[in-house]
Amino acid sequence: MIACFVTGTDTGVGKTLSSCALLHALAQHHRRVVGMKPVAAGAEPNGQGGWTNSDSLALRAASGLVVAPALDNPVLLAAPVSPHIAAAREHCSVRLEPIVAAYQALSQQADAIVVEGAGGWQVPLSNHLRIADLAIALQLPVVLVVGLRLGCLNHALLTADAIRSSGLPLAGWIANRVDPDMLEPEANMAYLREHLGAPLLADIPWQASPDARAVRVDLPKEWQ
């Protein structure tokens, strides 16, 4: 079973777009692929008297395996704020055990799983937990999404160092050109290629209407 954990240099850098692109690429080699959004903050009505999250909906649309919401999105919080704040508003606390159990149940059904984090690597889930702790609990290789804009070099290098310091492998990175007016994008790309120490899996051009199916992903050979 193939699985990875997708994190980003910041919020709004294209983790969901990248996760969906990974799902589409994996579907070329594996029959049962599924996305997982363990913790989602920001709920909207699902039209059936319940609630859902836009990131979870996108992952489900890109997945080839239909599973219960309790498995692919075990923690859904109402407010579109940092998870630890959203959870505090609901007088609850995000715990790793139910999330790990949901992931393990998914792994029994799927050939490939893409787990999308929330925000960046150090986003808090509670006063005592961060996204990094979740990735460590799942023991998954990490894919880093770099939002290509001013400041991305610092954010990317710091995050890559933090991922490796956690003991998890950085399986690759995805560049997402989120700022069409960025100065010297190719010079920034060249620096990241040289210094991140991981393969570039995809270079996503700026898109007015993002389309994960249009993204070319070069999967690691061991994921094919």
N, C-alpha and C. Protein backbone atom coordinates (compact mmCIF):
# COMPACT_ATOMS: atom_id res chain seq x y z
N MET A 1 0.84 -1.19 0.00
CA MET A 1 0.00 0.00 0.00
C MET A 1 0.88 1.24 0.00
N ILE A 2 0.55 2.18 -0.89
CA ILE A 2 1.30 3.43 -1.04
C ILE A 2 0.57 4.53 -0.27
N ALA A 3 1.32 5.36 0.46
CA ALA A 3 0.69 6.47 1.17
C ALA A 3 1.70 7.59 1.35
N CYS A 4 1.19 8.82 1.41
CA CYS A 4 2.05 9.98 1.68
C CYS A 4 1.25 11.02 2.43
N PHE A 5 1.96 11.93 3.06
CA PHE A 5 1.37 13.03 3.82
C PHE A 5 1.75 14.33 3.13
N VAL A 6 0.76 15.13 2.77
CA VAL A 6 0.99 16.38 2.05
C VAL A 6 0.91 17.55 3.02
N THR A 7 1.99 18.31 3.08
CA THR A 7 2.00 19.53 3.89
C THR A 7 2.42 20.69 3.01
N GLY A 8 2.38 21.90 3.55
CA GLY A 8 2.70 23.07 2.75
C GLY A 8 3.57 24.06 3.49
N THR A 9 4.13 24.99 2.73
CA THR A 9 4.94 26.04 3.33
C THR A 9 4.08 27.05 4.07
N ASP A 10 2.77 27.01 3.83
CA ASP A 10 1.85 27.95 4.46
C ASP A 10 0.44 27.49 4.12
N THR A 11 -0.54 28.19 4.64
CA THR A 11 -1.90 27.92 4.20
C THR A 11 -2.13 28.61 2.86
N GLY A 12 -3.02 28.07 2.05
CA GLY A 12 -3.33 28.70 0.77
C GLY A 12 -2.28 28.54 -0.30
N VAL A 13 -1.43 27.51 -0.19
CA VAL A 13 -0.38 27.32 -1.20
C VAL A 13 -0.74 26.23 -2.21
N GLY A 14 -1.90 25.59 -2.04
CA GLY A 14 -2.32 24.60 -3.02
C GLY A 14 -2.16 23.16 -2.58
N LYS A 15 -2.29 22.91 -1.29
CA LYS A 15 -2.17 21.52 -0.82
C LYS A 15 -3.28 20.64 -1.40
N THR A 16 -4.50 21.17 -1.43
CA THR A 16 -5.61 20.36 -1.93
C THR A 16 -5.46 20.10 -3.43
N LEU A 17 -5.12 21.12 -4.19
CA LEU A 17 -4.87 20.96 -5.62
C LEU A 17 -3.77 19.92 -5.85
N SER A 18 -2.69 20.02 -5.09
CA SER A 18 -1.58 19.08 -5.23
C SER A 18 -1.97 17.67 -4.81
N SER A 19 -2.76 17.57 -3.73
CA SER A 19 -3.20 16.25 -3.26
C SER A 19 -4.09 15.59 -4.31
N CYS A 20 -4.97 16.37 -4.92
CA CYS A 20 -5.83 15.81 -5.97
C CYS A 20 -5.02 15.39 -7.18
N ALA A 21 -4.00 16.19 -7.53
CA ALA A 21 -3.14 15.82 -8.65
C ALA A 21 -2.39 14.52 -8.35
N LEU A 22 -1.94 14.36 -7.11
CA LEU A 22 -1.29 13.11 -6.72
C LEU A 22 -2.26 11.93 -6.82
N LEU A 23 -3.50 12.14 -6.41
CA LEU A 23 -4.50 11.07 -6.50
C LEU A 23 -4.73 10.65 -7.95
N HIS A 24 -4.85 11.63 -8.85
CA HIS A 24 -5.04 11.31 -10.26
C HIS A 24 -3.84 10.56 -10.82
N ALA A 25 -2.64 10.97 -10.42
CA ALA A 25 -1.43 10.29 -10.90
C ALA A 25 -1.36 8.86 -10.36
N LEU A 26 -1.67 8.69 -9.09
CA LEU A 26 -1.64 7.36 -8.49
C LEU A 26 -2.69 6.45 -9.10
N ALA A 27 -3.82 7.03 -9.52
CA ALA A 27 -4.87 6.23 -10.13
C ALA A 27 -4.45 5.61 -11.46
N GLN A 28 -3.38 6.12 -12.06
CA GLN A 28 -2.86 5.52 -13.28
C GLN A 28 -2.15 4.20 -13.01
N HIS A 29 -1.83 3.96 -11.74
CA HIS A 29 -1.08 2.75 -11.37
C HIS A 29 -1.80 1.88 -10.35
N HIS A 30 -2.77 2.44 -9.64
CA HIS A 30 -3.45 1.71 -8.56
C HIS A 30 -4.96 1.89 -8.71
N ARG A 31 -5.70 0.83 -8.45
CA ARG A 31 -7.14 0.86 -8.67
C ARG A 31 -7.89 1.60 -7.57
N ARG A 32 -7.52 1.36 -6.32
CA ARG A 32 -8.28 1.93 -5.20
C ARG A 32 -7.46 3.04 -4.54
N VAL A 33 -7.68 4.27 -4.99
CA VAL A 33 -6.96 5.42 -4.42
C VAL A 33 -7.96 6.28 -3.66
N VAL A 34 -7.51 6.85 -2.55
CA VAL A 34 -8.42 7.66 -1.74
C VAL A 34 -7.64 8.78 -1.06
N GLY A 35 -8.29 9.94 -0.97
CA GLY A 35 -7.72 11.06 -0.23
C GLY A 35 -8.28 11.11 1.17
N MET A 36 -7.50 11.65 2.08
CA MET A 36 -7.92 11.77 3.47
C MET A 36 -7.58 13.17 3.97
N LYS A 37 -8.55 13.83 4.56
CA LYS A 37 -8.35 15.12 5.22
C LYS A 37 -8.62 14.88 6.70
N PRO A 38 -7.61 14.50 7.48
CA PRO A 38 -7.85 14.11 8.87
C PRO A 38 -8.52 15.19 9.70
N VAL A 39 -8.06 16.45 9.52
CA VAL A 39 -8.62 17.57 10.29
C VAL A 39 -8.96 18.69 9.31
N ALA A 40 -10.23 19.05 9.26
CA ALA A 40 -10.68 20.14 8.39
C ALA A 40 -11.36 21.19 9.24
N ALA A 41 -10.96 22.43 9.07
CA ALA A 41 -11.58 23.54 9.80
C ALA A 41 -12.27 24.45 8.78
N GLY A 42 -13.58 24.52 8.89
CA GLY A 42 -14.38 25.29 7.95
C GLY A 42 -15.45 24.39 7.35
N ALA A 43 -16.63 24.38 7.95
CA ALA A 43 -17.70 23.49 7.51
C ALA A 43 -18.77 24.26 6.76
N GLU A 44 -19.41 23.57 5.83
CA GLU A 44 -20.52 24.14 5.07
C GLU A 44 -21.61 23.08 4.93
N PRO A 45 -22.87 23.49 4.75
CA PRO A 45 -23.95 22.50 4.64
C PRO A 45 -23.72 21.57 3.45
N ASN A 46 -24.04 20.30 3.64
CA ASN A 46 -23.86 19.33 2.55
C ASN A 46 -25.14 19.10 1.75
N GLY A 47 -26.20 19.83 2.09
CA GLY A 47 -27.45 19.69 1.35
C GLY A 47 -28.29 18.52 1.80
N GLN A 48 -27.80 17.78 2.77
CA GLN A 48 -28.53 16.62 3.27
C GLN A 48 -28.74 16.70 4.78
N GLY A 49 -28.69 17.91 5.29
CA GLY A 49 -28.90 18.12 6.72
C GLY A 49 -27.66 17.98 7.55
N GLY A 50 -26.52 17.77 6.90
CA GLY A 50 -25.25 17.64 7.61
C GLY A 50 -24.26 18.69 7.16
N TRP A 51 -22.99 18.41 7.42
CA TRP A 51 -21.93 19.37 7.12
C TRP A 51 -20.79 18.69 6.40
N THR A 52 -20.03 19.48 5.63
CA THR A 52 -18.88 18.96 4.93
C THR A 52 -17.84 20.07 4.80
N ASN A 53 -16.76 19.78 4.11
CA ASN A 53 -15.67 20.74 3.94
C ASN A 53 -15.24 20.73 2.48
N SER A 54 -14.91 21.88 1.93
CA SER A 54 -14.60 21.97 0.51
C SER A 54 -13.35 21.17 0.13
N ASP A 55 -12.35 21.15 1.01
CA ASP A 55 -11.15 20.35 0.72
C ASP A 55 -11.50 18.86 0.67
N SER A 56 -12.31 18.41 1.62
CA SER A 56 -12.72 17.02 1.64
C SER A 56 -13.51 16.66 0.39
N LEU A 57 -14.38 17.57 -0.05
CA LEU A 57 -15.16 17.32 -1.26
C LEU A 57 -14.25 17.17 -2.48
N ALA A 58 -13.23 18.02 -2.58
CA ALA A 58 -12.30 17.94 -3.70
C ALA A 58 -11.53 16.63 -3.69
N LEU A 59 -11.09 16.21 -2.51
CA LEU A 59 -10.36 14.94 -2.40
C LEU A 59 -11.26 13.77 -2.77
N ARG A 60 -12.50 13.82 -2.34
CA ARG A 60 -13.44 12.73 -2.68
C ARG A 60 -13.68 12.66 -4.18
N ALA A 61 -13.78 13.82 -4.82
CA ALA A 61 -14.01 13.84 -6.26
C ALA A 61 -12.82 13.27 -7.03
N ALA A 62 -11.62 13.39 -6.46
CA ALA A 62 -10.41 12.88 -7.11
C ALA A 62 -10.10 11.44 -6.74
N SER A 63 -10.85 10.89 -5.80
CA SER A 63 -10.59 9.53 -5.31
C SER A 63 -11.36 8.50 -6.14
N GLY A 64 -10.81 7.32 -6.21
CA GLY A 64 -11.48 6.23 -6.91
C GLY A 64 -12.18 5.28 -5.96
N LEU A 65 -12.09 5.56 -4.69
CA LEU A 65 -12.69 4.72 -3.65
C LEU A 65 -13.60 5.57 -2.79
N VAL A 66 -14.84 5.14 -2.64
CA VAL A 66 -15.81 5.86 -1.81
C VAL A 66 -15.82 5.24 -0.43
N VAL A 67 -15.60 6.07 0.58
CA VAL A 67 -15.57 5.59 1.96
C VAL A 67 -16.46 6.48 2.82
N ALA A 68 -16.70 6.05 4.04
CA ALA A 68 -17.51 6.84 4.96
C ALA A 68 -16.78 8.13 5.34
N PRO A 69 -17.50 9.25 5.50
CA PRO A 69 -16.87 10.51 5.91
C PRO A 69 -16.08 10.37 7.21
N ALA A 70 -16.51 9.48 8.10
CA ALA A 70 -15.79 9.30 9.36
C ALA A 70 -14.39 8.76 9.14
N LEU A 71 -14.14 8.18 7.96
CA LEU A 71 -12.80 7.66 7.66
C LEU A 71 -11.94 8.67 6.91
N ASP A 72 -12.53 9.35 5.91
CA ASP A 72 -11.67 10.26 5.13
C ASP A 72 -11.64 11.68 5.69
N ASN A 73 -12.51 11.98 6.66
CA ASN A 73 -12.47 13.28 7.35
C ASN A 73 -12.99 13.10 8.78
N PRO A 74 -12.19 12.44 9.63
CA PRO A 74 -12.66 12.11 10.98
C PRO A 74 -12.88 13.32 11.88
N VAL A 75 -12.20 14.44 11.61
CA VAL A 75 -12.39 15.64 12.43
C VAL A 75 -12.82 16.80 11.54
N LEU A 76 -14.07 17.21 11.67
CA LEU A 76 -14.60 18.35 10.92
C LEU A 76 -15.02 19.42 11.91
N LEU A 77 -14.37 20.57 11.83
CA LEU A 77 -14.62 21.69 12.74
C LEU A 77 -15.31 22.81 11.99
N ALA A 78 -16.19 23.52 12.67
CA ALA A 78 -17.06 24.48 12.00
C ALA A 78 -16.32 25.73 11.52
N ALA A 79 -15.52 26.34 12.38
CA ALA A 79 -14.95 27.65 12.07
C ALA A 79 -13.73 27.54 11.15
N PRO A 80 -13.62 28.42 10.14
CA PRO A 80 -12.47 28.40 9.22
C PRO A 80 -11.27 29.14 9.81
N VAL A 81 -10.78 28.63 10.93
CA VAL A 81 -9.64 29.22 11.64
C VAL A 81 -8.67 28.09 11.98
N SER A 82 -7.59 28.42 12.65
CA SER A 82 -6.64 27.40 13.06
C SER A 82 -7.37 26.29 13.83
N PRO A 83 -7.05 25.01 13.56
CA PRO A 83 -7.80 23.92 14.18
C PRO A 83 -7.91 23.98 15.69
N HIS A 84 -6.84 24.42 16.36
CA HIS A 84 -6.92 24.43 17.82
C HIS A 84 -7.92 25.47 18.31
N ILE A 85 -8.07 26.57 17.58
CA ILE A 85 -9.05 27.59 17.94
C ILE A 85 -10.46 27.10 17.62
N ALA A 86 -10.61 26.50 16.44
CA ALA A 86 -11.92 25.97 16.05
C ALA A 86 -12.40 24.91 17.03
N ALA A 87 -11.48 24.03 17.45
CA ALA A 87 -11.85 22.99 18.40
C ALA A 87 -12.22 23.59 19.75
N ALA A 88 -11.48 24.61 20.20
CA ALA A 88 -11.78 25.24 21.49
C ALA A 88 -13.16 25.88 21.46
N ARG A 89 -13.54 26.44 20.33
CA ARG A 89 -14.87 27.04 20.21
C ARG A 89 -15.97 26.00 20.39
N GLU A 90 -15.66 24.76 19.98
CA GLU A 90 -16.64 23.67 20.08
C GLU A 90 -16.46 22.86 21.36
N HIS A 91 -15.58 23.34 22.22
CA HIS A 91 -15.33 22.69 23.51
C HIS A 91 -14.92 21.23 23.33
N CYS A 92 -14.05 21.02 22.35
CA CYS A 92 -13.52 19.68 22.12
C CYS A 92 -12.01 19.79 21.88
N SER A 93 -11.37 18.65 21.83
CA SER A 93 -9.93 18.62 21.62
C SER A 93 -9.60 17.59 20.55
N VAL A 94 -8.73 17.95 19.63
CA VAL A 94 -8.31 17.02 18.59
C VAL A 94 -7.36 15.99 19.19
N ARG A 95 -7.67 14.72 18.99
CA ARG A 95 -6.85 13.63 19.51
C ARG A 95 -6.33 12.78 18.36
N LEU A 96 -5.12 12.25 18.53
CA LEU A 96 -4.51 11.48 17.46
C LEU A 96 -5.12 10.09 17.30
N GLU A 97 -5.52 9.48 18.41
CA GLU A 97 -5.94 8.07 18.34
C GLU A 97 -7.08 7.82 17.36
N PRO A 98 -8.17 8.60 17.37
CA PRO A 98 -9.24 8.34 16.41
C PRO A 98 -8.80 8.55 14.96
N ILE A 99 -7.90 9.52 14.74
CA ILE A 99 -7.41 9.78 13.39
C ILE A 99 -6.56 8.62 12.89
N VAL A 100 -5.68 8.14 13.75
CA VAL A 100 -4.84 7.00 13.38
C VAL A 100 -5.70 5.77 13.10
N ALA A 101 -6.73 5.57 13.91
CA ALA A 101 -7.63 4.44 13.70
C ALA A 101 -8.36 4.56 12.36
N ALA A 102 -8.78 5.77 11.99
CA ALA A 102 -9.45 5.97 10.72
C ALA A 102 -8.49 5.70 9.57
N TYR A 103 -7.25 6.16 9.70
CA TYR A 103 -6.25 5.90 8.66
C TYR A 103 -6.00 4.40 8.52
N GLN A 104 -5.87 3.72 9.62
CA GLN A 104 -5.64 2.27 9.56
C GLN A 104 -6.79 1.55 8.90
N ALA A 105 -8.02 2.00 9.15
CA ALA A 105 -9.18 1.40 8.48
C ALA A 105 -9.14 1.67 6.98
N LEU A 106 -8.75 2.88 6.59
CA LEU A 106 -8.61 3.20 5.18
C LEU A 106 -7.55 2.31 4.52
N SER A 107 -6.45 2.10 5.21
CA SER A 107 -5.34 1.33 4.63
C SER A 107 -5.74 -0.11 4.36
N GLN A 108 -6.78 -0.59 5.02
CA GLN A 108 -7.27 -1.94 4.76
C GLN A 108 -8.11 -2.00 3.49
N GLN A 109 -8.56 -0.85 3.01
CA GLN A 109 -9.43 -0.80 1.84
C GLN A 109 -8.74 -0.29 0.59
N ALA A 110 -7.68 0.50 0.76
CA ALA A 110 -7.10 1.23 -0.36
C ALA A 110 -5.76 0.65 -0.81
N ASP A 111 -5.44 0.94 -2.07
CA ASP A 111 -4.11 0.63 -2.60
C ASP A 111 -3.18 1.83 -2.46
N ALA A 112 -3.75 3.03 -2.39
CA ALA A 112 -2.95 4.25 -2.26
C ALA A 112 -3.77 5.31 -1.52
N ILE A 113 -3.12 6.00 -0.59
CA ILE A 113 -3.79 7.04 0.21
C ILE A 113 -2.94 8.31 0.18
N VAL A 114 -3.61 9.42 -0.06
CA VAL A 114 -2.97 10.73 0.04
C VAL A 114 -3.61 11.45 1.21
N VAL A 115 -2.81 11.74 2.24
CA VAL A 115 -3.31 12.40 3.45
C VAL A 115 -2.91 13.88 3.38
N GLU A 116 -3.89 14.75 3.40
CA GLU A 116 -3.61 16.19 3.34
C GLU A 116 -3.69 16.81 4.72
N GLY A 117 -2.62 17.50 5.11
CA GLY A 117 -2.60 18.19 6.39
C GLY A 117 -3.43 19.45 6.36
N ALA A 118 -3.32 20.23 7.42
CA ALA A 118 -4.03 21.51 7.53
C ALA A 118 -2.99 22.61 7.71
N GLY A 119 -3.07 23.64 6.86
CA GLY A 119 -2.09 24.71 6.98
C GLY A 119 -0.67 24.21 6.74
N GLY A 120 0.26 24.69 7.55
CA GLY A 120 1.65 24.28 7.41
C GLY A 120 2.06 23.25 8.45
N TRP A 121 3.35 22.92 8.46
CA TRP A 121 3.89 21.82 9.25
C TRP A 121 3.71 22.00 10.75
N GLN A 122 3.74 23.23 11.23
CA GLN A 122 3.66 23.48 12.66
C GLN A 122 2.31 24.03 13.10
N VAL A 123 1.29 23.93 12.27
CA VAL A 123 -0.04 24.41 12.66
C VAL A 123 -0.53 23.61 13.87
N PRO A 124 -0.99 24.29 14.91
CA PRO A 124 -1.46 23.57 16.10
C PRO A 124 -2.82 22.93 15.91
N LEU A 125 -2.94 21.71 16.42
CA LEU A 125 -4.22 21.01 16.47
C LEU A 125 -4.86 21.16 17.85
N SER A 126 -4.01 21.35 18.84
CA SER A 126 -4.46 21.59 20.22
C SER A 126 -3.31 22.30 20.91
N ASN A 127 -3.43 22.50 22.22
CA ASN A 127 -2.33 23.14 22.95
C ASN A 127 -1.09 22.26 23.01
N HIS A 128 -1.27 20.96 22.71
CA HIS A 128 -0.17 20.02 22.86
C HIS A 128 0.19 19.30 21.57
N LEU A 129 -0.59 19.47 20.51
CA LEU A 129 -0.36 18.75 19.26
C LEU A 129 -0.26 19.70 18.08
N ARG A 130 0.58 19.32 17.12
CA ARG A 130 0.69 20.06 15.87
C ARG A 130 0.53 19.09 14.71
N ILE A 131 0.40 19.66 13.51
CA ILE A 131 0.28 18.82 12.31
C ILE A 131 1.46 17.86 12.21
N ALA A 132 2.63 18.32 12.58
CA ALA A 132 3.82 17.46 12.54
C ALA A 132 3.62 16.21 13.38
N ASP A 133 2.97 16.34 14.53
CA ASP A 133 2.73 15.18 15.39
C ASP A 133 1.82 14.17 14.72
N LEU A 134 0.86 14.67 13.94
CA LEU A 134 -0.03 13.77 13.22
C LEU A 134 0.74 12.99 12.15
N ALA A 135 1.57 13.68 11.39
CA ALA A 135 2.36 13.00 10.36
C ALA A 135 3.28 11.96 10.98
N ILE A 136 3.87 12.30 12.12
CA ILE A 136 4.76 11.36 12.81
C ILE A 136 3.97 10.15 13.30
N ALA A 137 2.77 10.38 13.82
CA ALA A 137 1.95 9.26 14.30
C ALA A 137 1.59 8.32 13.16
N LEU A 138 1.38 8.87 11.96
CA LEU A 138 1.03 8.05 10.81
C LEU A 138 2.26 7.42 10.15
N GLN A 139 3.45 8.00 10.45
CA GLN A 139 4.71 7.48 9.91
C GLN A 139 4.69 7.40 8.39
N LEU A 140 4.36 8.54 7.76
CA LEU A 140 4.27 8.59 6.31
C LEU A 140 5.36 9.48 5.71
N PRO A 141 5.83 9.14 4.52
CA PRO A 141 6.72 10.06 3.80
C PRO A 141 5.95 11.33 3.46
N VAL A 142 6.66 12.45 3.42
CA VAL A 142 6.01 13.75 3.27
C VAL A 142 6.28 14.35 1.90
N VAL A 143 5.24 14.93 1.33
CA VAL A 143 5.36 15.75 0.12
C VAL A 143 5.11 17.20 0.52
N LEU A 144 6.05 18.07 0.19
CA LEU A 144 5.97 19.48 0.56
C LEU A 144 5.50 20.31 -0.62
N VAL A 145 4.41 21.05 -0.44
CA VAL A 145 3.91 21.96 -1.46
C VAL A 145 4.47 23.35 -1.17
N VAL A 146 5.18 23.88 -2.14
CA VAL A 146 5.80 25.20 -2.00
C VAL A 146 5.00 26.20 -2.82
N GLY A 147 4.40 27.16 -2.16
CA GLY A 147 3.71 28.23 -2.88
C GLY A 147 4.76 29.20 -3.39
N LEU A 148 4.94 29.24 -4.71
CA LEU A 148 6.02 30.04 -5.29
C LEU A 148 5.63 31.52 -5.27
N ARG A 149 6.18 32.23 -4.29
CA ARG A 149 5.96 33.66 -4.13
C ARG A 149 7.09 34.20 -3.27
N LEU A 150 7.13 35.51 -3.12
CA LEU A 150 8.18 36.14 -2.32
C LEU A 150 8.18 35.55 -0.90
N GLY A 151 9.34 35.10 -0.44
CA GLY A 151 9.46 34.50 0.88
C GLY A 151 9.45 32.99 0.87
N CYS A 152 9.20 32.38 -0.30
CA CYS A 152 9.05 30.93 -0.35
C CYS A 152 10.35 30.19 -0.07
N LEU A 153 11.50 30.79 -0.36
CA LEU A 153 12.76 30.08 -0.11
C LEU A 153 12.94 29.81 1.38
N ASN A 154 12.75 30.83 2.17
CA ASN A 154 12.87 30.67 3.62
C ASN A 154 11.86 29.66 4.15
N HIS A 155 10.60 29.81 3.73
CA HIS A 155 9.55 28.91 4.21
C HIS A 155 9.82 27.46 3.79
N ALA A 156 10.26 27.27 2.57
CA ALA A 156 10.50 25.92 2.07
C ALA A 156 11.67 25.25 2.78
N LEU A 157 12.76 25.98 2.94
CA LEU A 157 13.95 25.40 3.58
C LEU A 157 13.69 25.11 5.06
N LEU A 158 13.03 26.03 5.75
CA LEU A 158 12.70 25.79 7.16
C LEU A 158 11.80 24.57 7.31
N THR A 159 10.79 24.46 6.44
CA THR A 159 9.87 23.33 6.55
C THR A 159 10.56 22.02 6.23
N ALA A 160 11.39 22.02 5.19
CA ALA A 160 12.12 20.80 4.84
C ALA A 160 13.02 20.35 5.99
N ASP A 161 13.68 21.30 6.63
CA ASP A 161 14.53 20.97 7.79
C ASP A 161 13.69 20.39 8.92
N ALA A 162 12.53 20.98 9.17
CA ALA A 162 11.67 20.51 10.25
C ALA A 162 11.14 19.11 9.97
N ILE A 163 10.79 18.84 8.72
CA ILE A 163 10.31 17.50 8.35
C ILE A 163 11.40 16.47 8.61
N ARG A 164 12.59 16.74 8.16
CA ARG A 164 13.69 15.79 8.35
C ARG A 164 14.04 15.64 9.82
N SER A 165 13.96 16.73 10.57
CA SER A 165 14.26 16.66 12.00
C SER A 165 13.25 15.79 12.74
N SER A 166 12.05 15.66 12.19
CA SER A 166 11.03 14.83 12.81
C SER A 166 11.29 13.34 12.60
N GLY A 167 12.23 13.03 11.71
CA GLY A 167 12.53 11.64 11.42
C GLY A 167 11.81 11.08 10.21
N LEU A 168 10.96 11.90 9.58
CA LEU A 168 10.23 11.44 8.41
C LEU A 168 10.97 11.82 7.13
N PRO A 169 10.86 11.00 6.10
CA PRO A 169 11.53 11.33 4.84
C PRO A 169 10.75 12.38 4.04
N LEU A 170 11.46 13.28 3.39
CA LEU A 170 10.85 14.21 2.45
C LEU A 170 10.88 13.51 1.09
N ALA A 171 9.73 12.96 0.70
CA ALA A 171 9.68 12.14 -0.51
C ALA A 171 9.77 12.99 -1.78
N GLY A 172 9.40 14.25 -1.70
CA GLY A 172 9.44 15.12 -2.86
C GLY A 172 8.74 16.43 -2.56
N TRP A 173 8.77 17.34 -3.53
CA TRP A 173 8.11 18.62 -3.36
C TRP A 173 7.39 19.01 -4.63
N ILE A 174 6.39 19.84 -4.47
CA ILE A 174 5.59 20.34 -5.58
C ILE A 174 5.64 21.86 -5.55
N ALA A 175 5.98 22.45 -6.67
CA ALA A 175 5.98 23.91 -6.80
C ALA A 175 4.63 24.34 -7.35
N ASN A 176 3.99 25.28 -6.69
CA ASN A 176 2.72 25.82 -7.16
C ASN A 176 2.89 27.32 -7.35
N ARG A 177 2.78 27.77 -8.59
CA ARG A 177 3.05 29.17 -8.93
C ARG A 177 1.82 30.03 -8.61
N VAL A 178 1.67 30.31 -7.32
CA VAL A 178 0.47 30.98 -6.83
C VAL A 178 0.45 32.48 -7.12
N ASP A 179 1.61 33.05 -7.45
CA ASP A 179 1.69 34.48 -7.72
C ASP A 179 2.18 34.70 -9.15
N PRO A 180 1.26 35.03 -10.07
CA PRO A 180 1.66 35.21 -11.47
C PRO A 180 2.59 36.41 -11.68
N ASP A 181 2.66 37.30 -10.70
CA ASP A 181 3.50 38.50 -10.82
C ASP A 181 4.81 38.37 -10.05
N MET A 182 5.13 37.19 -9.57
CA MET A 182 6.37 37.01 -8.81
C MET A 182 7.59 37.35 -9.67
N LEU A 183 8.53 38.07 -9.07
CA LEU A 183 9.77 38.39 -9.75
C LEU A 183 10.76 37.22 -9.63
N GLU A 184 11.46 36.92 -10.69
CA GLU A 184 12.50 35.89 -10.73
C GLU A 184 12.03 34.50 -10.30
N PRO A 185 10.91 34.04 -10.82
CA PRO A 185 10.44 32.71 -10.39
C PRO A 185 11.41 31.59 -10.76
N GLU A 186 12.04 31.68 -11.93
CA GLU A 186 12.93 30.59 -12.34
C GLU A 186 14.19 30.54 -11.49
N ALA A 187 14.67 31.69 -11.05
CA ALA A 187 15.84 31.71 -10.16
C ALA A 187 15.48 31.08 -8.82
N ASN A 188 14.29 31.36 -8.34
CA ASN A 188 13.83 30.73 -7.10
C ASN A 188 13.68 29.22 -7.28
N MET A 189 13.13 28.79 -8.40
CA MET A 189 12.98 27.37 -8.68
C MET A 189 14.34 26.69 -8.73
N ALA A 190 15.31 27.33 -9.36
CA ALA A 190 16.64 26.74 -9.47
C ALA A 190 17.27 26.55 -8.10
N TYR A 191 17.09 27.54 -7.23
CA TYR A 191 17.65 27.43 -5.88
C TYR A 191 17.00 26.28 -5.12
N LEU A 192 15.67 26.17 -5.23
CA LEU A 192 14.97 25.10 -4.52
C LEU A 192 15.36 23.73 -5.06
N ARG A 193 15.50 23.61 -6.36
CA ARG A 193 15.93 22.33 -6.95
C ARG A 193 17.29 21.91 -6.39
N GLU A 194 18.16 22.88 -6.19
CA GLU A 194 19.52 22.56 -5.73
C GLU A 194 19.57 22.29 -4.23
N HIS A 195 18.72 22.96 -3.45
CA HIS A 195 18.92 22.94 -2.00
C HIS A 195 17.86 22.18 -1.19
N LEU A 196 16.73 21.83 -1.78
CA LEU A 196 15.73 21.10 -1.00
C LEU A 196 16.12 19.64 -0.79
N GLY A 197 16.94 19.11 -1.67
CA GLY A 197 17.42 17.74 -1.47
C GLY A 197 16.35 16.68 -1.63
N ALA A 198 15.36 16.95 -2.47
CA ALA A 198 14.29 15.99 -2.74
C ALA A 198 13.82 16.23 -4.17
N PRO A 199 13.25 15.22 -4.81
CA PRO A 199 12.82 15.40 -6.20
C PRO A 199 11.62 16.32 -6.35
N LEU A 200 11.62 17.07 -7.43
CA LEU A 200 10.48 17.90 -7.79
C LEU A 200 9.45 16.99 -8.47
N LEU A 201 8.29 16.85 -7.87
CA LEU A 201 7.26 15.94 -8.40
C LEU A 201 6.34 16.63 -9.40
N ALA A 202 6.15 17.94 -9.23
CA ALA A 202 5.28 18.68 -10.14
C ALA A 202 5.58 20.16 -10.06
N ASP A 203 5.43 20.83 -11.20
CA ASP A 203 5.57 22.28 -11.30
C ASP A 203 4.25 22.80 -11.84
N ILE A 204 3.41 23.32 -10.94
CA ILE A 204 2.06 23.71 -11.32
C ILE A 204 2.04 25.17 -11.76
N PRO A 205 1.69 25.44 -13.01
CA PRO A 205 1.61 26.83 -13.45
C PRO A 205 0.44 27.54 -12.79
N TRP A 206 0.51 28.88 -12.80
CA TRP A 206 -0.61 29.63 -12.27
C TRP A 206 -1.84 29.36 -13.12
N GLN A 207 -2.96 29.06 -12.46
CA GLN A 207 -4.20 28.78 -13.17
C GLN A 207 -5.31 29.64 -12.58
N ALA A 208 -6.03 30.35 -13.45
CA ALA A 208 -7.16 31.14 -12.97
C ALA A 208 -8.23 30.23 -12.39
N SER A 209 -8.40 29.06 -13.00
CA SER A 209 -9.33 28.05 -12.50
C SER A 209 -8.55 26.76 -12.32
N PRO A 210 -8.04 26.50 -11.12
CA PRO A 210 -7.17 25.34 -10.90
C PRO A 210 -7.82 24.02 -11.31
N ASP A 211 -7.07 23.19 -12.02
CA ASP A 211 -7.55 21.91 -12.50
C ASP A 211 -6.49 20.85 -12.19
N ALA A 212 -6.79 20.00 -11.22
CA ALA A 212 -5.82 18.99 -10.80
C ALA A 212 -5.52 17.99 -11.90
N ARG A 213 -6.49 17.73 -12.76
CA ARG A 213 -6.28 16.76 -13.83
C ARG A 213 -5.26 17.25 -14.86
N ALA A 214 -5.08 18.56 -14.93
CA ALA A 214 -4.15 19.13 -15.91
C ALA A 214 -2.71 19.16 -15.40
N VAL A 215 -2.51 18.76 -14.15
CA VAL A 215 -1.17 18.82 -13.54
C VAL A 215 -0.39 17.55 -13.87
N ARG A 216 0.81 17.71 -14.39
CA ARG A 216 1.67 16.56 -14.64
C ARG A 216 2.46 16.26 -13.37
N VAL A 217 2.35 15.03 -12.90
CA VAL A 217 3.05 14.60 -11.69
C VAL A 217 4.01 13.48 -12.05
N ASP A 218 5.27 13.63 -11.64
CA ASP A 218 6.27 12.58 -11.81
C ASP A 218 6.39 11.82 -10.50
N LEU A 219 5.65 10.73 -10.40
CA LEU A 219 5.65 9.96 -9.16
C LEU A 219 6.99 9.27 -8.95
N PRO A 220 7.42 9.13 -7.69
CA PRO A 220 8.59 8.28 -7.41
C PRO A 220 8.32 6.86 -7.94
N LYS A 221 9.36 6.21 -8.41
CA LYS A 221 9.18 4.88 -9.01
C LYS A 221 8.55 3.90 -8.04
N GLU A 222 8.88 4.03 -6.75
CA GLU A 222 8.34 3.08 -5.77
C GLU A 222 6.85 3.29 -5.53
N TRP A 223 6.27 4.38 -6.01
CA TRP A 223 4.84 4.62 -5.87
C TRP A 223 4.06 4.17 -7.09
N GLN A 224 4.74 3.73 -8.11
CA GLN A 224 4.08 3.34 -9.37
C GLN A 224 3.71 1.88 -9.38
